[in-house]
Amino acid sequence: MKIMVPCDEAHHVCDKTQYKESSFWEKLKLYFHLIYCKACRKYTRNNKKLSNTIHKAKVECLDKKCKEAMRLEFEKALKDQLK
């Protein structure tokens, strides 16, 4: 198994780890990469800050009904504008 990973793969694993989607081996490779890569440590730190900020802001998404109503209203307005 390859322990050394390129930065783009480390970024991808960092993102997956943030959402608890990475495997044990992916996390292990990421941690080894972070030992020697200052740029990826900064990326990971900023990624954590962003996730914490969004979590603290308690951002709520629209439910499916609201999204569908908004989409229909938008399509109607677009059709009216094209007439």
Protein backbone atom coordinates (compact mmCIF):
# COMPACT_ATOMS: atom_id res chain seq x y z
CA MET A 1 0.00 0.00 0.00
CA LYS A 2 1.24 3.46 -0.89
CA ILE A 3 1.57 5.74 2.17
CA MET A 4 2.76 8.88 0.37
CA VAL A 5 -0.09 10.74 -1.33
CA PRO A 6 -0.10 13.86 -3.50
CA CYS A 7 -1.63 17.07 -2.17
CA ASP A 8 -4.77 16.87 -4.33
CA GLU A 9 -5.56 13.43 -2.93
CA ALA A 10 -4.84 14.68 0.60
CA HIS A 11 -7.31 17.54 0.06
CA HIS A 12 -9.95 15.07 -1.11
CA VAL A 13 -9.41 12.83 1.92
CA CYS A 14 -9.48 15.88 4.20
CA ASP A 15 -12.89 16.80 2.78
CA LYS A 16 -14.14 13.23 3.18
CA THR A 17 -12.85 13.10 6.75
CA GLN A 18 -14.69 16.31 7.58
CA TYR A 19 -17.97 14.54 6.73
CA LYS A 20 -16.96 11.21 8.30
CA GLU A 21 -16.79 9.46 4.91
CA SER A 22 -13.12 8.42 4.91
CA SER A 23 -11.76 5.01 5.79
CA PHE A 24 -9.18 4.31 8.47
CA TRP A 25 -6.43 3.89 5.84
CA GLU A 26 -7.34 7.16 4.13
CA LYS A 27 -7.14 8.97 7.45
CA LEU A 28 -3.80 7.34 8.24
CA LYS A 29 -2.34 8.39 4.87
CA LEU A 30 -3.69 11.91 5.40
CA TYR A 31 -2.06 12.20 8.82
CA PHE A 32 1.30 11.03 7.42
CA HIS A 33 0.97 13.57 4.62
CA LEU A 34 0.17 16.36 7.08
CA ILE A 35 3.40 15.64 8.98
CA TYR A 36 5.53 16.95 6.12
CA CYS A 37 3.17 19.20 4.09
CA LYS A 38 2.66 22.68 5.50
CA ALA A 39 0.25 23.70 2.71
CA CYS A 40 -2.08 20.78 3.42
CA ARG A 41 -1.96 21.44 7.17
CA LYS A 42 -3.15 24.97 6.39
CA TYR A 43 -5.87 23.61 4.07
CA THR A 44 -7.03 21.20 6.78
CA ARG A 45 -7.04 23.93 9.42
CA ASN A 46 -9.05 26.28 7.17
CA ASN A 47 -11.44 23.47 6.26
CA LYS A 48 -12.13 22.81 9.95
CA LYS A 49 -12.67 26.53 10.61
CA LEU A 50 -15.14 26.77 7.73
CA SER A 51 -17.09 23.71 8.90
CA ASN A 52 -17.20 24.99 12.49
CA THR A 53 -18.37 28.43 11.35
CA ILE A 54 -21.17 26.94 9.27
CA HIS A 55 -22.16 24.63 12.12
CA LYS A 56 -22.22 27.51 14.63
CA ALA A 57 -24.29 29.64 12.26
CA LYS A 58 -26.96 26.92 12.32
CA VAL A 59 -27.60 27.29 8.60
CA GLU A 60 -30.85 25.64 7.63
CA CYS A 61 -31.69 24.40 4.16
CA LEU A 62 -35.09 24.67 2.56
CA ASP A 63 -37.24 21.58 2.69
CA LYS A 64 -38.25 19.81 -0.52
CA LYS A 65 -41.70 21.43 -0.66
CA CYS A 66 -40.25 24.94 -0.49
CA LYS A 67 -37.60 24.13 -3.08
CA GLU A 68 -40.19 22.71 -5.47
CA ALA A 69 -42.51 25.71 -4.99
CA MET A 70 -39.60 28.08 -5.61
CA ARG A 71 -38.58 26.17 -8.73
CA LEU A 72 -42.12 26.26 -10.14
CA GLU A 73 -42.46 29.96 -9.39
CA PHE A 74 -39.12 30.64 -11.05
CA GLU A 75 -40.06 28.65 -14.16
CA LYS A 76 -43.40 30.47 -14.39
CA ALA A 77 -41.70 33.87 -14.08
CA LEU A 78 -39.16 32.85 -16.72
CA LYS A 79 -41.90 31.75 -19.15
CA ASP A 80 -43.81 35.00 -18.55
CA GLN A 81 -40.69 37.01 -19.24
CA LEU A 82 -39.99 35.18 -22.51
CA LYS A 83 -43.49 35.89 -23.90
